[in-house]
Amino acid sequence: MAGSPQADRLSEVKFLTVAEVATLMRVSKMTVYRLVHSGDLTAVRVGRSFRVPEHAVNEYLRGAFQESA
């Protein structure tokens, strides 16, 4: 797997904590957890916590922006 195109792309992904996502979106951590649990925001479980790919936050916000426009 090392050196494969998929492994190279994965190493470029920036993961954010729930707290970082909440700060970025200016919402509470509970709101982020609700988005993750409902499936509206993609996240990866690492141990007992979640990590959210930065591109998932951007896609969610882009979709929310388009819906309101």
C-alpha atoms as a PDB file:
ATOM      1  CA  MET A   1       0.000   0.000   0.000  1.00  0.00           C
ATOM      2  CA  ALA A   2       2.912   2.356   0.687  1.00  0.00           C
ATOM      3  CA  GLY A   3       3.697   4.342  -2.410  1.00  0.00           C
ATOM      4  CA  SER A   4       0.307   3.661  -3.978  1.00  0.00           C
ATOM      5  CA  PRO A   5      -1.726   6.619  -5.273  1.00  0.00           C
ATOM      6  CA  GLN A   6      -4.377   5.996  -2.602  1.00  0.00           C
ATOM      7  CA  ALA A   7      -1.785   6.073   0.213  1.00  0.00           C
ATOM      8  CA  ASP A   8      -0.326   9.295  -1.204  1.00  0.00           C
ATOM      9  CA  ARG A   9      -3.749  10.978  -1.225  1.00  0.00           C
ATOM     10  CA  LEU A  10      -4.501   9.841   2.319  1.00  0.00           C
ATOM     11  CA  SER A  11      -1.285  11.399   3.605  1.00  0.00           C
ATOM     12  CA  GLU A  12      -2.432  14.744   2.169  1.00  0.00           C
ATOM     13  CA  VAL A  13      -5.759  14.736   4.036  1.00  0.00           C
ATOM     14  CA  LYS A  14      -5.896  17.135   6.961  1.00  0.00           C
ATOM     15  CA  PHE A  15      -8.031  15.903   9.841  1.00  0.00           C
ATOM     16  CA  LEU A  16      -9.669  18.263  12.322  1.00  0.00           C
ATOM     17  CA  THR A  17     -10.888  17.592  15.837  1.00  0.00           C
ATOM     18  CA  VAL A  18     -14.517  18.196  16.762  1.00  0.00           C
ATOM     19  CA  ALA A  19     -13.428  21.287  18.701  1.00  0.00           C
ATOM     20  CA  GLU A  20     -11.557  22.657  15.668  1.00  0.00           C
ATOM     21  CA  VAL A  21     -14.582  22.057  13.423  1.00  0.00           C
ATOM     22  CA  ALA A  22     -16.851  23.777  15.960  1.00  0.00           C
ATOM     23  CA  THR A  23     -14.548  26.799  16.075  1.00  0.00           C
ATOM     24  CA  LEU A  24     -14.294  26.929  12.289  1.00  0.00           C
ATOM     25  CA  MET A  25     -18.076  26.720  11.846  1.00  0.00           C
ATOM     26  CA  ARG A  26     -18.785  28.910  14.900  1.00  0.00           C
ATOM     27  CA  VAL A  27     -21.116  26.342  16.443  1.00  0.00           C
ATOM     28  CA  SER A  28     -20.960  24.230  19.594  1.00  0.00           C
ATOM     29  CA  LYS A  29     -19.173  20.891  19.772  1.00  0.00           C
ATOM     30  CA  MET A  30     -22.559  19.265  20.377  1.00  0.00           C
ATOM     31  CA  THR A  31     -23.769  20.576  17.007  1.00  0.00           C
ATOM     32  CA  VAL A  32     -20.761  18.998  15.310  1.00  0.00           C
ATOM     33  CA  TYR A  33     -21.433  15.680  17.086  1.00  0.00           C
ATOM     34  CA  ARG A  34     -25.055  15.816  15.902  1.00  0.00           C
ATOM     35  CA  LEU A  35     -23.924  16.408  12.311  1.00  0.00           C
ATOM     36  CA  VAL A  36     -21.509  13.476  12.546  1.00  0.00           C
ATOM     37  CA  HIS A  37     -24.051  11.100  14.102  1.00  0.00           C
ATOM     38  CA  SER A  38     -26.749  12.045  11.569  1.00  0.00           C
ATOM     39  CA  GLY A  39     -24.350  11.382   8.696  1.00  0.00           C
ATOM     40  CA  ASP A  40     -24.458  14.955   7.434  1.00  0.00           C
ATOM     41  CA  LEU A  41     -20.747  15.416   8.182  1.00  0.00           C
ATOM     42  CA  THR A  42     -18.246  12.686   7.365  1.00  0.00           C
ATOM     43  CA  ALA A  43     -15.950  11.691  10.220  1.00  0.00           C
ATOM     44  CA  VAL A  44     -13.563   8.917  11.191  1.00  0.00           C
ATOM     45  CA  ARG A  45     -13.622   7.407  14.654  1.00  0.00           C
ATOM     46  CA  VAL A  46     -10.172   7.238  16.251  1.00  0.00           C
ATOM     47  CA  GLY A  47     -10.390   5.456  19.585  1.00  0.00           C
ATOM     48  CA  ARG A  48     -13.084   7.295  21.504  1.00  0.00           C
ATOM     49  CA  SER A  49     -12.934  10.505  19.497  1.00  0.00           C
ATOM     50  CA  PHE A  50     -13.788  11.650  15.989  1.00  0.00           C
ATOM     51  CA  ARG A  51     -11.625  13.251  13.341  1.00  0.00           C
ATOM     52  CA  VAL A  52     -13.246  15.140  10.489  1.00  0.00           C
ATOM     53  CA  PRO A  53     -11.492  15.490   7.129  1.00  0.00           C
ATOM     54  CA  GLU A  54     -11.091  19.154   6.274  1.00  0.00           C
ATOM     55  CA  HIS A  55     -12.591  18.588   2.814  1.00  0.00           C
ATOM     56  CA  ALA A  56     -15.758  17.194   4.472  1.00  0.00           C
ATOM     57  CA  VAL A  57     -16.223  20.453   6.387  1.00  0.00           C
ATOM     58  CA  ASN A  58     -15.702  22.469   3.204  1.00  0.00           C
ATOM     59  CA  GLU A  59     -18.220  20.317   1.290  1.00  0.00           C
ATOM     60  CA  TYR A  60     -20.791  20.598   4.082  1.00  0.00           C
ATOM     61  CA  LEU A  61     -20.453  24.374   4.256  1.00  0.00           C
ATOM     62  CA  ARG A  62     -20.547  24.690   0.473  1.00  0.00           C
ATOM     63  CA  GLY A  63     -23.768  22.641   0.400  1.00  0.00           C
ATOM     64  CA  ALA A  64     -25.323  24.636   3.237  1.00  0.00           C
ATOM     65  CA  PHE A  65     -24.381  27.882   1.490  1.00  0.00           C
ATOM     66  CA  GLN A  66     -25.937  26.756  -1.796  1.00  0.00           C
ATOM     67  CA  GLU A  67     -29.155  25.710  -0.050  1.00  0.00           C
ATOM     68  CA  SER A  68     -29.543  29.147   1.540  1.00  0.00           C
ATOM     69  CA  ALA A  69     -28.830  31.029  -1.703  1.00  0.00           C
END
